[in-house]
């Protein structure tokens, strides 16, 4: 759910942002307002 507009649809992709033994970081982009945020596993 988009923290900015509350939309329930978003694109997401996962990136290894730090060292290989760190968990993946997931980036989300809202399909409605275009806001991008990230979550850590």
C-alpha atoms as a PDB file:
ATOM      1  CA  UNK A   1       0.000   0.000   0.000  1.00  0.00           C
ATOM      2  CA  UNK A   2       1.396   3.370  -0.995  1.00  0.00           C
ATOM      3  CA  UNK A   3       2.268   5.414   2.117  1.00  0.00           C
ATOM      4  CA  UNK A   4       1.565   8.622   0.211  1.00  0.00           C
ATOM      5  CA  UNK A   5      -1.799   8.085  -1.532  1.00  0.00           C
ATOM      6  CA  UNK A   6      -3.035   4.730  -0.166  1.00  0.00           C
ATOM      7  CA  UNK A   7      -3.181   3.003  -3.566  1.00  0.00           C
ATOM      8  CA  UNK A   8      -2.926  -0.789  -3.385  1.00  0.00           C
ATOM      9  CA  UNK A   9      -1.017  -1.359  -6.636  1.00  0.00           C
ATOM     10  CA  UNK A  10       2.706  -0.901  -7.032  1.00  0.00           C
ATOM     11  CA  UNK A  11       5.557  -2.145  -9.169  1.00  0.00           C
ATOM     12  CA  UNK A  12       8.429  -3.613  -7.219  1.00  0.00           C
ATOM     13  CA  UNK A  13      11.964  -4.785  -7.794  1.00  0.00           C
ATOM     14  CA  UNK A  14      14.645  -6.197  -5.528  1.00  0.00           C
ATOM     15  CA  UNK A  15      18.196  -4.905  -5.290  1.00  0.00           C
ATOM     16  CA  UNK A  16      21.245  -6.128  -3.402  1.00  0.00           C
ATOM     17  CA  UNK A  17      22.240  -2.753  -1.980  1.00  0.00           C
ATOM     18  CA  UNK A  18      25.036  -3.773   0.365  1.00  0.00           C
ATOM     19  CA  UNK A  19      27.202  -6.882   0.742  1.00  0.00           C
ATOM     20  CA  UNK A  20      26.041 -10.257  -0.548  1.00  0.00           C
ATOM     21  CA  UNK A  21      25.230 -11.572   2.933  1.00  0.00           C
ATOM     22  CA  UNK A  22      22.824  -8.699   3.628  1.00  0.00           C
ATOM     23  CA  UNK A  23      19.114  -9.164   2.855  1.00  0.00           C
ATOM     24  CA  UNK A  24      17.668  -7.801  -0.366  1.00  0.00           C
ATOM     25  CA  UNK A  25      16.113  -4.350  -0.444  1.00  0.00           C
ATOM     26  CA  UNK A  26      12.762  -4.165  -2.221  1.00  0.00           C
ATOM     27  CA  UNK A  27      11.805  -0.971  -3.982  1.00  0.00           C
ATOM     28  CA  UNK A  28       8.163  -0.153  -4.690  1.00  0.00           C
ATOM     29  CA  UNK A  29       6.679   2.400  -7.075  1.00  0.00           C
ATOM     30  CA  UNK A  30       3.015   3.321  -6.820  1.00  0.00           C
ATOM     31  CA  UNK A  31       1.072   2.843 -10.053  1.00  0.00           C
ATOM     32  CA  UNK A  32      -1.181   5.788  -9.191  1.00  0.00           C
ATOM     33  CA  UNK A  33       0.983   8.648  -7.866  1.00  0.00           C
ATOM     34  CA  UNK A  34       4.458   7.397  -8.813  1.00  0.00           C
ATOM     35  CA  UNK A  35       5.836   7.588  -5.281  1.00  0.00           C
ATOM     36  CA  UNK A  36       8.821   5.280  -4.709  1.00  0.00           C
ATOM     37  CA  UNK A  37       9.711   3.738  -1.365  1.00  0.00           C
ATOM     38  CA  UNK A  38      11.744   0.797  -0.124  1.00  0.00           C
ATOM     39  CA  UNK A  39      11.433  -2.027   2.359  1.00  0.00           C
ATOM     40  CA  UNK A  40      14.101  -4.288   3.792  1.00  0.00           C
ATOM     41  CA  UNK A  41      13.512  -8.021   4.127  1.00  0.00           C
END
